[in-house]
């Protein structure tokens, strides 16, 4: 097996509340990455369905406004069903481009929305989904919590693909569960634009001795509906999410990025030999694990 693959992370903002437009953007950007030789492409958190940065949904502690309920209705309508037409379209994009595709979506399951990440194979099959286990801060108002049934690492010919969404990457036990499954392509779709995020991504690459691919949105106010009052400001050119997408090797070397303030498709050649080179002196799920002292207990059953 060839020791090299090419991977890409996409830095772009979705079209807020306009699912079909976001799917068109996904198709164009995935095609760009495929033309660059990518075999794996990672898109940001909530790329399909949208991340409503700066919208408070009319909520204060102890009260919800009628206007906020209507905002949530629109957000609910922009979310996607699994299975459903939007999933079929993403599967078609993966097949047309002949690549592994990781996409952050807002999943609708009855009345509840989930921040979810999907992985498709180059044959168009949906290989796995992962629901964000712990929405952060006000995200808990609009998204439900995932459970242990969607935490699998997917074995593929190019590597073992795992997904951790945004601040899930700060959950040590979830990271440990991914490491225990032998993740080699650690996909971290996010909207965290902070400089501190870079330190976390390098730490995870070094800790897990895996490739880390973090894709962050680059979102402008103009990408959200005009009739929403955005707390960050309503100038169309106001930056809501500034990027910072990055690809990192198992030895902590930055292979591409980070890039801020613009849309980008970042490509990098991944030398899979670096996986063994890294495990030589640190394998947190193997010779460095000390199972005689520590044990990780995981409930991977569905809760609903």
Protein backbone atom coordinates (compact mmCIF):
# COMPACT_ATOMS: atom_id res chain seq x y z
CA UNK A 1 0.00 0.00 0.00
CA UNK A 2 1.24 3.45 -0.92
CA UNK A 3 2.45 5.34 2.16
CA UNK A 4 1.16 8.68 0.90
CA UNK A 5 -2.30 10.18 0.54
CA UNK A 6 -3.45 13.71 -0.14
CA UNK A 7 -6.05 15.31 2.11
CA UNK A 8 -7.84 18.64 2.16
CA UNK A 9 -9.69 20.81 4.65
CA UNK A 10 -12.17 23.36 3.36
CA UNK A 11 -12.47 26.78 4.97
CA UNK A 12 -15.69 28.47 3.93
CA UNK A 13 -19.00 29.61 5.34
CA UNK A 14 -22.28 27.99 4.52
CA UNK A 15 -25.30 29.88 3.26
CA UNK A 16 -27.23 30.38 6.47
CA UNK A 17 -30.71 28.81 6.42
CA UNK A 18 -30.38 28.05 2.66
CA UNK A 19 -29.68 24.35 2.48
CA UNK A 20 -29.76 23.94 -1.29
CA UNK A 21 -27.36 26.83 -1.77
CA UNK A 22 -25.01 25.30 0.81
CA UNK A 23 -25.15 21.96 -0.98
CA UNK A 24 -24.19 23.70 -4.23
CA UNK A 25 -21.24 25.32 -2.47
CA UNK A 26 -20.25 21.94 -1.04
CA UNK A 27 -20.25 20.41 -4.53
CA UNK A 28 -18.07 23.18 -5.97
CA UNK A 29 -15.53 23.11 -3.15
CA UNK A 30 -15.33 19.31 -3.07
CA UNK A 31 -14.68 19.35 -6.82
CA UNK A 32 -11.91 21.92 -6.32
CA UNK A 33 -10.28 19.67 -3.73
CA UNK A 34 -10.61 16.60 -5.93
CA UNK A 35 -8.97 18.42 -8.83
CA UNK A 36 -6.10 19.16 -6.46
CA UNK A 37 -5.68 15.42 -5.91
CA UNK A 38 -7.42 15.08 -2.55
CA UNK A 39 -8.62 11.64 -1.51
CA UNK A 40 -10.17 12.90 1.74
CA UNK A 41 -11.92 16.26 2.19
CA UNK A 42 -13.12 17.63 5.52
CA UNK A 43 -15.73 20.40 5.75
CA UNK A 44 -16.47 22.53 8.85
CA UNK A 45 -18.98 22.07 11.63
CA UNK A 46 -22.59 22.83 10.66
CA UNK A 47 -21.70 23.49 7.03
CA UNK A 48 -25.05 22.12 5.88
CA UNK A 49 -27.82 23.67 7.97
CA UNK A 50 -25.64 26.51 9.19
CA UNK A 51 -24.10 27.89 12.36
CA UNK A 52 -26.27 30.87 13.39
CA UNK A 53 -23.45 32.90 14.92
CA UNK A 54 -24.65 35.94 16.84
CA UNK A 55 -28.36 35.03 16.84
CA UNK A 56 -29.93 34.66 20.29
CA UNK A 57 -33.29 33.16 19.24
CA UNK A 58 -35.10 35.69 21.45
CA UNK A 59 -33.98 34.02 24.64
CA UNK A 60 -33.31 35.32 28.11
CA UNK A 61 -33.14 33.24 31.26
CA UNK A 62 -36.74 32.32 31.99
CA UNK A 63 -38.27 33.68 28.78
CA UNK A 64 -38.51 33.01 25.03
CA UNK A 65 -39.95 35.49 22.56
CA UNK A 66 -42.40 34.68 19.71
CA UNK A 67 -39.84 36.11 17.27
CA UNK A 68 -37.19 33.72 18.62
CA UNK A 69 -39.52 30.77 18.17
CA UNK A 70 -39.99 31.75 14.55
CA UNK A 71 -36.22 32.00 14.10
CA UNK A 72 -35.90 28.46 15.43
CA UNK A 73 -38.68 27.31 13.08
CA UNK A 74 -36.64 28.59 10.13
CA UNK A 75 -33.50 26.92 11.47
CA UNK A 76 -35.41 23.67 11.95
CA UNK A 77 -36.61 23.84 8.34
CA UNK A 78 -33.02 24.33 7.11
CA UNK A 79 -31.82 21.18 8.90
CA UNK A 80 -31.61 17.84 7.09
CA UNK A 81 -33.14 14.42 7.61
CA UNK A 82 -31.13 11.18 7.76
CA UNK A 83 -31.89 9.53 5.43
CA UNK A 84 -33.15 12.21 3.11
CA UNK A 85 -32.59 14.14 -0.13
CA UNK A 86 -29.70 16.24 1.23
CA UNK A 87 -27.86 13.09 2.32
CA UNK A 88 -28.44 11.59 -1.11
CA UNK A 89 -26.96 14.73 -2.68
CA UNK A 90 -23.86 14.59 -0.48
CA UNK A 91 -23.42 10.92 -1.31
CA UNK A 92 -23.63 11.83 -5.01
CA UNK A 93 -20.97 14.53 -4.53
CA UNK A 94 -18.61 12.06 -2.84
CA UNK A 95 -19.15 9.56 -5.64
CA UNK A 96 -18.80 12.11 -8.44
CA UNK A 97 -15.54 13.39 -6.94
CA UNK A 98 -14.27 9.92 -6.00
CA UNK A 99 -13.22 10.86 -2.47
CA UNK A 100 -13.91 10.35 1.20
CA UNK A 101 -16.06 13.26 2.35
CA UNK A 102 -16.53 14.45 5.95
CA UNK A 103 -19.26 17.07 6.34
CA UNK A 104 -20.68 18.89 9.35
CA UNK A 105 -24.49 19.08 9.21
CA UNK A 106 -27.46 20.06 11.33
CA UNK A 107 -29.52 16.89 11.60
CA UNK A 108 -33.26 16.98 12.22
CA UNK A 109 -34.72 14.07 14.19
CA UNK A 110 -38.36 14.81 14.94
CA UNK A 111 -38.46 18.07 16.85
CA UNK A 112 -34.82 17.96 17.95
CA UNK A 113 -31.77 19.18 16.06
CA UNK A 114 -28.30 17.66 16.40
CA UNK A 115 -24.91 18.98 15.38
CA UNK A 116 -23.68 15.99 13.40
CA UNK A 117 -20.74 15.00 11.25
CA UNK A 118 -21.11 12.54 8.36
CA UNK A 119 -18.49 10.54 6.48
CA UNK A 120 -19.12 9.25 2.95
CA UNK A 121 -17.02 6.87 0.89
CA UNK A 122 -15.92 7.42 -2.72
CA UNK A 123 -18.61 4.96 -3.78
CA UNK A 124 -21.24 7.29 -2.31
CA UNK A 125 -22.06 5.17 0.74
CA UNK A 126 -22.73 6.88 4.07
CA UNK A 127 -20.12 5.17 6.24
CA UNK A 128 -20.87 6.75 9.62
CA UNK A 129 -22.46 9.62 11.46
CA UNK A 130 -21.41 11.21 14.72
CA UNK A 131 -23.67 13.40 16.84
CA UNK A 132 -21.92 16.01 18.97
CA UNK A 133 -22.00 14.69 22.52
CA UNK A 134 -21.99 18.01 24.36
CA UNK A 135 -23.17 21.24 22.75
CA UNK A 136 -21.36 24.23 24.22
CA UNK A 137 -23.01 27.07 26.14
CA UNK A 138 -26.00 28.50 24.21
CA UNK A 139 -25.73 25.72 21.60
CA UNK A 140 -27.59 23.61 24.20
CA UNK A 141 -30.70 25.68 23.52
CA UNK A 142 -30.88 24.70 19.84
CA UNK A 143 -29.14 21.28 19.72
CA UNK A 144 -29.70 18.02 21.55
CA UNK A 145 -26.95 15.86 23.04
CA UNK A 146 -25.56 12.88 21.16
CA UNK A 147 -25.14 9.49 22.81
CA UNK A 148 -22.59 6.69 22.75
CA UNK A 149 -23.98 4.98 19.65
CA UNK A 150 -22.28 7.29 17.12
CA UNK A 151 -18.66 7.30 18.27
CA UNK A 152 -17.13 4.78 15.88
CA UNK A 153 -13.87 5.12 14.00
CA UNK A 154 -14.34 4.05 10.37
CA UNK A 155 -11.74 1.74 8.81
CA UNK A 156 -10.99 2.64 5.17
CA UNK A 157 -8.19 1.85 2.70
CA UNK A 158 -6.69 5.31 3.33
CA UNK A 159 -6.83 5.11 7.12
CA UNK A 160 -9.12 4.98 10.14
CA UNK A 161 -11.39 8.04 10.13
CA UNK A 162 -12.69 9.48 13.39
CA UNK A 163 -14.65 12.66 14.09
CA UNK A 164 -14.69 15.05 17.04
CA UNK A 165 -16.72 18.23 16.63
CA UNK A 166 -15.46 21.55 18.00
CA UNK A 167 -15.17 21.49 21.82
CA UNK A 168 -15.62 17.71 21.95
CA UNK A 169 -11.89 17.89 21.33
CA UNK A 170 -11.59 19.11 24.94
CA UNK A 171 -13.20 15.90 26.26
CA UNK A 172 -10.20 13.71 27.25
CA UNK A 173 -12.22 10.52 27.59
CA UNK A 174 -13.80 10.91 24.16
CA UNK A 175 -10.36 11.46 22.64
CA UNK A 176 -9.17 8.36 24.47
CA UNK A 177 -12.04 6.36 22.98
CA UNK A 178 -11.01 7.46 19.47
CA UNK A 179 -7.37 6.60 20.17
CA UNK A 180 -8.40 3.17 21.49
CA UNK A 181 -10.11 2.49 18.14
CA UNK A 182 -6.87 3.27 16.30
CA UNK A 183 -7.86 6.57 14.69
CA UNK A 184 -5.28 7.73 12.14
CA UNK A 185 -7.26 10.48 10.36
CA UNK A 186 -8.64 12.57 13.20
CA UNK A 187 -11.21 14.98 11.71
CA UNK A 188 -12.06 18.03 13.80
CA UNK A 189 -14.77 20.14 12.12
CA UNK A 190 -15.22 23.33 14.13
CA UNK A 191 -16.25 26.97 14.31
CA UNK A 192 -13.56 27.80 16.90
CA UNK A 193 -11.48 30.53 15.30
CA UNK A 194 -9.28 31.32 18.32
CA UNK A 195 -5.51 31.20 18.21
CA UNK A 196 -5.66 28.85 21.21
CA UNK A 197 -7.39 26.27 19.02
CA UNK A 198 -4.11 25.72 17.19
CA UNK A 199 -2.40 24.60 20.39
CA UNK A 200 -5.17 22.09 21.00
CA UNK A 201 -4.92 20.63 17.50
CA UNK A 202 -1.14 20.21 17.75
CA UNK A 203 -1.53 18.63 21.17
CA UNK A 204 -4.07 16.10 19.88
CA UNK A 205 -1.84 15.18 16.92
CA UNK A 206 1.07 14.60 19.28
CA UNK A 207 -1.02 12.85 21.94
CA UNK A 208 -2.80 10.49 19.55
CA UNK A 209 0.07 10.21 17.04
CA UNK A 210 -2.49 10.75 14.30
CA UNK A 211 -3.09 13.20 11.46
CA UNK A 212 -5.39 16.00 12.59
CA UNK A 213 -7.56 17.75 10.00
CA UNK A 214 -9.42 20.73 11.41
CA UNK A 215 -11.81 22.60 9.11
CA UNK A 216 -13.31 25.87 10.35
CA UNK A 217 -15.91 28.11 8.75
CA UNK A 218 -15.06 31.53 7.34
CA UNK A 219 -18.40 33.25 7.76
CA UNK A 220 -19.43 36.82 6.98
CA UNK A 221 -22.58 38.59 8.17
CA UNK A 222 -23.78 38.63 4.55
CA UNK A 223 -24.00 34.82 4.69
CA UNK A 224 -26.90 35.00 7.19
CA UNK A 225 -30.42 36.29 6.46
CA UNK A 226 -30.75 40.08 6.36
CA UNK A 227 -33.75 40.13 8.68
CA UNK A 228 -31.92 38.58 11.65
CA UNK A 229 -30.42 40.86 14.28
CA UNK A 230 -26.85 39.63 14.72
CA UNK A 231 -25.20 40.61 18.01
CA UNK A 232 -21.79 40.90 16.31
CA UNK A 233 -23.19 43.60 14.02
CA UNK A 234 -25.20 43.84 10.83
CA UNK A 235 -22.64 45.28 8.43
CA UNK A 236 -22.56 42.66 5.62
CA UNK A 237 -18.74 42.60 5.74
CA UNK A 238 -18.53 41.88 9.48
CA UNK A 239 -16.57 38.68 10.04
CA UNK A 240 -18.47 36.25 12.27
CA UNK A 241 -16.10 33.27 12.05
CA UNK A 242 -12.53 33.91 10.92
CA UNK A 243 -11.20 30.48 9.98
CA UNK A 244 -7.97 28.95 11.22
CA UNK A 245 -8.22 25.61 9.38
CA UNK A 246 -5.14 23.45 9.70
CA UNK A 247 -3.64 20.01 8.93
CA UNK A 248 -1.07 18.54 11.35
CA UNK A 249 1.14 15.45 11.24
CA UNK A 250 1.39 12.76 13.95
CA UNK A 251 4.65 14.38 15.11
CA UNK A 252 3.04 17.80 15.48
CA UNK A 253 4.32 19.34 12.26
CA UNK A 254 1.95 21.79 10.57
CA UNK A 255 1.42 20.56 7.02
CA UNK A 256 -1.07 23.22 5.86
CA UNK A 257 -2.47 26.41 7.37
CA UNK A 258 -3.61 27.90 9.55
CA UNK A 259 -5.31 30.44 7.31
CA UNK A 260 -7.46 33.32 8.58
CA UNK A 261 -9.77 35.86 7.02
CA UNK A 262 -10.45 34.18 3.70
CA UNK A 263 -12.00 31.16 2.01
CA UNK A 264 -9.49 28.42 1.27
CA UNK A 265 -9.03 24.79 0.29
CA UNK A 266 -5.92 23.60 2.11
CA UNK A 267 -4.17 20.55 0.67
CA UNK A 268 -1.44 18.44 2.25
CA UNK A 269 0.44 15.25 1.47
CA UNK A 270 0.15 12.83 4.38
CA UNK A 271 3.01 10.36 4.86
CA UNK A 272 1.43 7.39 6.60
CA UNK A 273 4.90 6.26 7.63
CA UNK A 274 4.71 9.07 10.21
CA UNK A 275 2.09 7.04 12.09
CA UNK A 276 4.60 4.32 12.94
CA UNK A 277 7.39 6.85 13.46
CA UNK A 278 5.25 8.56 16.06
CA UNK A 279 4.12 5.37 17.81
CA UNK A 280 7.79 4.41 18.28
CA UNK A 281 7.95 6.31 21.55
CA UNK A 282 4.29 7.08 22.39
CA UNK A 283 1.21 4.95 21.89
CA UNK A 284 -1.42 6.14 24.36
CA UNK A 285 -3.69 3.18 23.55
CA UNK A 286 -0.80 0.69 23.55
CA UNK A 287 2.57 0.57 25.25
CA UNK A 288 2.01 3.91 27.02
CA UNK A 289 -1.49 3.06 28.28
CA UNK A 290 -0.78 1.29 31.62
CA UNK A 291 -3.98 -0.79 31.60
CA UNK A 292 -2.85 -2.28 34.93
CA UNK A 293 -3.68 1.12 36.47
CA UNK A 294 -6.18 2.84 34.17
CA UNK A 295 -9.31 1.56 32.45
CA UNK A 296 -11.68 3.39 30.11
CA UNK A 297 -15.33 2.30 30.36
CA UNK A 298 -17.52 3.33 27.41
CA UNK A 299 -21.28 2.95 27.05
CA UNK A 300 -21.78 2.88 23.28
CA UNK A 301 -25.49 2.18 23.38
CA UNK A 302 -28.21 4.44 22.07
CA UNK A 303 -30.19 6.39 24.67
CA UNK A 304 -33.29 6.93 22.56
